[in-house]
Amino acid sequence: MLAAVCGGIAVGIIASLAFAYSQRSLRPLRVTATVEPVEDAVKVLEAIPQFFVLVSALDVVERASTQAYSFGLVRDDRLVRPEFIQLVARVRDTGEVLSRPLSIKRSTLKNQSDTRLMVYAAPLSGGRVLVLFEDNTEKLKLEETRRDFVANVSHELKTPVGAISLLVE
């Protein structure tokens, strides 16, 4: 008996919440406060997992992630890597979203390998360009290691199988 009463109360609460929700969704939305579009965009940029650089129409870096500075892409509010400067110029010329893989050196040491980035650039209003990039160095190294491993295992298995097949013949 008690379980039936508790079940009835739970169903009643759920039904009243569903009714209130459906009534609220039927009302037109009212915007009471205005949000600055720049601040809104900055919040979005900080939330995405990729690193970013926001370049103004005058080629001044308005915002950049800390990784953009650590990779040596931005210095003194300017893009310093020629690959990125050319990409931003091309996006402005064509007005299209471009993506391309880039390899950059982060050090002058002889044994230092290149950092491999996937770069996306998109035009924004006011002549701005948004550049998103991600470091794919570890992912590509892992893929190369996997490919080498499969090739080595394949070679190591072919040799004994070939010898056994010759003996069987």
C-alpha atoms as a PDB file:
ATOM      1  CA  MET A   1       0.000   0.000   0.000  1.00  0.00           C
ATOM      2  CA  LEU A   2       2.787   2.408   0.978  1.00  0.00           C
ATOM      3  CA  ALA A   3       4.678   1.612  -2.241  1.00  0.00           C
ATOM      4  CA  ALA A   4       1.571   2.448  -4.317  1.00  0.00           C
ATOM      5  CA  VAL A   5       1.172   5.803  -2.535  1.00  0.00           C
ATOM      6  CA  CYS A   6       4.859   6.678  -3.014  1.00  0.00           C
ATOM      7  CA  GLY A   7       4.644   5.657  -6.665  1.00  0.00           C
ATOM      8  CA  GLY A   8       1.558   7.834  -7.158  1.00  0.00           C
ATOM      9  CA  ILE A   9       3.287  10.811  -5.564  1.00  0.00           C
ATOM     10  CA  ALA A  10       6.369  10.298  -7.764  1.00  0.00           C
ATOM     11  CA  VAL A  11       4.219  10.099 -10.909  1.00  0.00           C
ATOM     12  CA  GLY A  12       2.364  13.261  -9.854  1.00  0.00           C
ATOM     13  CA  ILE A  13       5.598  15.191  -9.278  1.00  0.00           C
ATOM     14  CA  ILE A  14       7.054  14.064 -12.602  1.00  0.00           C
ATOM     15  CA  ALA A  15       3.829  14.975 -14.432  1.00  0.00           C
ATOM     16  CA  SER A  16       3.693  18.451 -12.864  1.00  0.00           C
ATOM     17  CA  LEU A  17       7.357  19.094 -13.727  1.00  0.00           C
ATOM     18  CA  ALA A  18       6.762  17.959 -17.311  1.00  0.00           C
ATOM     19  CA  PHE A  19       3.718  20.249 -17.580  1.00  0.00           C
ATOM     20  CA  ALA A  20       5.668  23.231 -16.188  1.00  0.00           C
ATOM     21  CA  TYR A  21       8.521  22.545 -18.590  1.00  0.00           C
ATOM     22  CA  SER A  22       6.206  22.313 -21.594  1.00  0.00           C
ATOM     23  CA  GLN A  23       4.489  25.584 -20.634  1.00  0.00           C
ATOM     24  CA  ARG A  24       7.832  27.321 -20.248  1.00  0.00           C
ATOM     25  CA  SER A  25       9.010  26.122 -23.667  1.00  0.00           C
ATOM     26  CA  LEU A  26       5.854  27.568 -25.292  1.00  0.00           C
ATOM     27  CA  ARG A  27       6.597  31.103 -24.054  1.00  0.00           C
ATOM     28  CA  PRO A  28       8.620  33.316 -26.381  1.00  0.00           C
ATOM     29  CA  LEU A  29      12.170  33.960 -25.269  1.00  0.00           C
ATOM     30  CA  ARG A  30      12.992  37.416 -23.974  1.00  0.00           C
ATOM     31  CA  VAL A  31      16.503  38.733 -24.043  1.00  0.00           C
ATOM     32  CA  THR A  32      16.912  41.079 -21.123  1.00  0.00           C
ATOM     33  CA  ALA A  33      20.651  41.657 -21.134  1.00  0.00           C
ATOM     34  CA  THR A  34      22.999  42.253 -23.999  1.00  0.00           C
ATOM     35  CA  VAL A  35      26.287  40.398 -24.107  1.00  0.00           C
ATOM     36  CA  GLU A  36      29.326  41.856 -25.768  1.00  0.00           C
ATOM     37  CA  PRO A  37      30.071  39.700 -28.837  1.00  0.00           C
ATOM     38  CA  VAL A  38      33.827  39.949 -28.291  1.00  0.00           C
ATOM     39  CA  GLU A  39      33.614  38.700 -24.721  1.00  0.00           C
ATOM     40  CA  ASP A  40      31.274  35.933 -25.848  1.00  0.00           C
ATOM     41  CA  ALA A  41      33.747  34.867 -28.542  1.00  0.00           C
ATOM     42  CA  VAL A  42      36.622  34.881 -26.044  1.00  0.00           C
ATOM     43  CA  LYS A  43      34.671  32.564 -23.751  1.00  0.00           C
ATOM     44  CA  VAL A  44      34.037  30.190 -26.643  1.00  0.00           C
ATOM     45  CA  LEU A  45      37.708  30.255 -27.649  1.00  0.00           C
ATOM     46  CA  GLU A  46      38.814  29.444 -24.119  1.00  0.00           C
ATOM     47  CA  ALA A  47      36.384  26.517 -23.969  1.00  0.00           C
ATOM     48  CA  ILE A  48      37.487  24.730 -27.144  1.00  0.00           C
ATOM     49  CA  PRO A  49      40.258  22.141 -26.903  1.00  0.00           C
ATOM     50  CA  GLN A  50      42.311  23.592 -29.740  1.00  0.00           C
ATOM     51  CA  PHE A  51      44.847  26.375 -29.447  1.00  0.00           C
ATOM     52  CA  PHE A  52      43.982  29.672 -31.132  1.00  0.00           C
ATOM     53  CA  VAL A  53      45.166  33.023 -32.429  1.00  0.00           C
ATOM     54  CA  LEU A  54      42.752  35.841 -33.288  1.00  0.00           C
ATOM     55  CA  VAL A  55      44.327  38.272 -35.758  1.00  0.00           C
ATOM     56  CA  SER A  56      42.831  41.709 -36.429  1.00  0.00           C
ATOM     57  CA  ALA A  57      42.505  43.388 -39.832  1.00  0.00           C
ATOM     58  CA  LEU A  58      45.777  45.237 -39.136  1.00  0.00           C
ATOM     59  CA  ASP A  59      47.629  41.945 -38.480  1.00  0.00           C
ATOM     60  CA  VAL A  60      47.749  42.588 -34.758  1.00  0.00           C
ATOM     61  CA  VAL A  61      47.095  39.585 -32.532  1.00  0.00           C
ATOM     62  CA  GLU A  62      44.028  40.466 -30.466  1.00  0.00           C
ATOM     63  CA  ARG A  63      43.894  37.231 -28.478  1.00  0.00           C
ATOM     64  CA  ALA A  64      46.015  34.113 -28.387  1.00  0.00           C
ATOM     65  CA  SER A  65      46.169  31.009 -26.269  1.00  0.00           C
ATOM     66  CA  THR A  66      49.224  30.525 -24.090  1.00  0.00           C
ATOM     67  CA  GLN A  67      50.264  27.662 -26.368  1.00  0.00           C
ATOM     68  CA  ALA A  68      50.522  30.087 -29.293  1.00  0.00           C
ATOM     69  CA  TYR A  69      53.183  31.939 -27.335  1.00  0.00           C
ATOM     70  CA  SER A  70      54.926  28.763 -26.176  1.00  0.00           C
ATOM     71  CA  PHE A  71      55.101  27.405 -29.736  1.00  0.00           C
ATOM     72  CA  GLY A  72      56.734  30.667 -30.792  1.00  0.00           C
ATOM     73  CA  LEU A  73      53.924  31.691 -33.137  1.00  0.00           C
ATOM     74  CA  VAL A  74      53.189  35.036 -31.464  1.00  0.00           C
ATOM     75  CA  ARG A  75      55.591  37.647 -30.156  1.00  0.00           C
ATOM     76  CA  ASP A  76      54.814  41.254 -29.234  1.00  0.00           C
ATOM     77  CA  ASP A  77      51.216  40.934 -30.468  1.00  0.00           C
ATOM     78  CA  ARG A  78      52.339  39.852 -33.940  1.00  0.00           C
ATOM     79  CA  LEU A  79      52.460  36.537 -35.759  1.00  0.00           C
ATOM     80  CA  VAL A  80      56.131  35.681 -36.298  1.00  0.00           C
ATOM     81  CA  ARG A  81      56.013  32.385 -38.178  1.00  0.00           C
ATOM     82  CA  PRO A  82      55.981  32.959 -41.954  1.00  0.00           C
ATOM     83  CA  GLU A  83      53.766  29.919 -42.538  1.00  0.00           C
ATOM     84  CA  PHE A  84      51.050  31.402 -40.346  1.00  0.00           C
ATOM     85  CA  ILE A  85      51.416  34.894 -41.814  1.00  0.00           C
ATOM     86  CA  GLN A  86      50.985  33.475 -45.335  1.00  0.00           C
ATOM     87  CA  LEU A  87      47.986  31.418 -44.261  1.00  0.00           C
ATOM     88  CA  VAL A  88      46.259  34.457 -42.732  1.00  0.00           C
ATOM     89  CA  ALA A  89      46.937  36.491 -45.894  1.00  0.00           C
ATOM     90  CA  ARG A  90      45.548  33.726 -48.091  1.00  0.00           C
ATOM     91  CA  VAL A  91      42.378  33.460 -45.985  1.00  0.00           C
ATOM     92  CA  ARG A  92      41.862  37.207 -46.317  1.00  0.00           C
ATOM     93  CA  ASP A  93      42.380  37.034 -50.098  1.00  0.00           C
ATOM     94  CA  THR A  94      40.078  34.091 -50.749  1.00  0.00           C
ATOM     95  CA  GLY A  95      37.583  34.518 -47.911  1.00  0.00           C
ATOM     96  CA  GLU A  96      37.526  30.743 -47.492  1.00  0.00           C
ATOM     97  CA  VAL A  97      38.234  28.497 -44.537  1.00  0.00           C
ATOM     98  CA  LEU A  98      41.576  26.794 -45.052  1.00  0.00           C
ATOM     99  CA  SER A  99      43.204  23.871 -43.292  1.00  0.00           C
ATOM    100  CA  ARG A 100      46.646  22.393 -43.722  1.00  0.00           C
ATOM    101  CA  PRO A 101      49.279  20.419 -41.867  1.00  0.00           C
ATOM    102  CA  LEU A 102      52.426  22.345 -40.946  1.00  0.00           C
ATOM    103  CA  SER A 103      55.764  21.298 -39.483  1.00  0.00           C
ATOM    104  CA  ILE A 104      57.633  23.844 -37.433  1.00  0.00           C
ATOM    105  CA  LYS A 105      60.911  23.757 -35.561  1.00  0.00           C
ATOM    106  CA  ARG A 106      60.655  24.852 -31.951  1.00  0.00           C
ATOM    107  CA  SER A 107      64.355  24.628 -31.235  1.00  0.00           C
ATOM    108  CA  THR A 108      67.665  25.081 -32.994  1.00  0.00           C
ATOM    109  CA  LEU A 109      69.058  21.894 -31.447  1.00  0.00           C
ATOM    110  CA  LYS A 110      70.197  19.312 -33.997  1.00  0.00           C
ATOM    111  CA  ASN A 111      68.331  16.386 -32.447  1.00  0.00           C
ATOM    112  CA  GLN A 112      65.088  18.301 -31.971  1.00  0.00           C
ATOM    113  CA  SER A 113      62.305  16.898 -34.147  1.00  0.00           C
ATOM    114  CA  ASP A 114      59.744  19.080 -35.873  1.00  0.00           C
ATOM    115  CA  THR A 115      56.449  19.845 -34.215  1.00  0.00           C
ATOM    116  CA  ARG A 116      53.623  18.835 -36.504  1.00  0.00           C
ATOM    117  CA  LEU A 117      50.523  20.959 -36.333  1.00  0.00           C
ATOM    118  CA  MET A 118      47.144  20.805 -38.028  1.00  0.00           C
ATOM    119  CA  VAL A 119      46.130  24.399 -38.702  1.00  0.00           C
ATOM    120  CA  TYR A 120      42.663  25.765 -39.539  1.00  0.00           C
ATOM    121  CA  ALA A 121      42.082  29.403 -40.484  1.00  0.00           C
ATOM    122  CA  ALA A 122      38.733  31.109 -40.988  1.00  0.00           C
ATOM    123  CA  PRO A 123      37.759  34.659 -41.933  1.00  0.00           C
ATOM    124  CA  LEU A 124      35.638  36.599 -39.464  1.00  0.00           C
ATOM    125  CA  SER A 125      33.799  39.894 -39.675  1.00  0.00           C
ATOM    126  CA  GLY A 126      35.787  43.117 -39.664  1.00  0.00           C
ATOM    127  CA  GLY A 127      38.754  41.608 -41.495  1.00  0.00           C
ATOM    128  CA  ARG A 128      39.680  39.387 -38.567  1.00  0.00           C
ATOM    129  CA  VAL A 129      41.036  35.891 -39.032  1.00  0.00           C
ATOM    130  CA  LEU A 130      40.739  33.084 -36.512  1.00  0.00           C
ATOM    131  CA  VAL A 131      43.537  30.532 -36.583  1.00  0.00           C
ATOM    132  CA  LEU A 132      42.995  27.255 -34.720  1.00  0.00           C
ATOM    133  CA  PHE A 133      45.769  24.720 -34.409  1.00  0.00           C
ATOM    134  CA  GLU A 134      46.426  21.439 -32.684  1.00  0.00           C
ATOM    135  CA  ASP A 135      49.654  19.616 -31.944  1.00  0.00           C
ATOM    136  CA  ASN A 136      49.559  16.257 -33.728  1.00  0.00           C
ATOM    137  CA  THR A 137      53.206  15.348 -33.121  1.00  0.00           C
ATOM    138  CA  GLU A 138      52.550  12.563 -30.618  1.00  0.00           C
ATOM    139  CA  LYS A 139      49.573  11.216 -32.567  1.00  0.00           C
ATOM    140  CA  LEU A 140      51.613  10.998 -35.786  1.00  0.00           C
ATOM    141  CA  LYS A 141      54.590   9.420 -33.978  1.00  0.00           C
ATOM    142  CA  LEU A 142      52.260   6.801 -32.536  1.00  0.00           C
ATOM    143  CA  GLU A 143      50.847   6.103 -36.009  1.00  0.00           C
ATOM    144  CA  GLU A 144      54.377   5.727 -37.456  1.00  0.00           C
ATOM    145  CA  THR A 145      55.320   3.363 -34.614  1.00  0.00           C
ATOM    146  CA  ARG A 146      52.188   1.288 -35.214  1.00  0.00           C
ATOM    147  CA  ARG A 147      52.897   1.122 -38.957  1.00  0.00           C
ATOM    148  CA  ASP A 148      56.539   0.068 -38.349  1.00  0.00           C
ATOM    149  CA  PHE A 149      55.433  -2.554 -35.837  1.00  0.00           C
ATOM    150  CA  VAL A 150      52.927  -4.083 -38.257  1.00  0.00           C
ATOM    151  CA  ALA A 151      55.540  -4.133 -41.042  1.00  0.00           C
ATOM    152  CA  ASN A 152      58.126  -5.805 -38.772  1.00  0.00           C
ATOM    153  CA  VAL A 153      55.684  -8.409 -37.445  1.00  0.00           C
ATOM    154  CA  SER A 154      54.519  -9.153 -40.967  1.00  0.00           C
ATOM    155  CA  HIS A 155      58.109  -9.642 -42.130  1.00  0.00           C
ATOM    156  CA  GLU A 156      59.033 -11.778 -39.114  1.00  0.00           C
ATOM    157  CA  LEU A 157      56.009 -14.035 -39.648  1.00  0.00           C
ATOM    158  CA  LYS A 158      56.531 -14.426 -43.403  1.00  0.00           C
ATOM    159  CA  THR A 159      60.005 -15.920 -43.038  1.00  0.00           C
ATOM    160  CA  PRO A 160      59.110 -18.947 -40.862  1.00  0.00           C
ATOM    161  CA  VAL A 161      55.826 -19.525 -42.697  1.00  0.00           C
ATOM    162  CA  GLY A 162      57.719 -19.552 -46.017  1.00  0.00           C
ATOM    163  CA  ALA A 163      60.268 -22.030 -44.651  1.00  0.00           C
ATOM    164  CA  ILE A 164      57.511 -24.294 -43.291  1.00  0.00           C
ATOM    165  CA  SER A 165      55.624 -24.207 -46.590  1.00  0.00           C
ATOM    166  CA  LEU A 166      58.804 -25.212 -48.450  1.00  0.00           C
ATOM    167  CA  LEU A 167      59.361 -28.116 -46.066  1.00  0.00           C
ATOM    168  CA  VAL A 168      55.765 -29.236 -46.504  1.00  0.00           C
ATOM    169  CA  GLU A 169      56.150 -29.290 -50.295  1.00  0.00           C
END
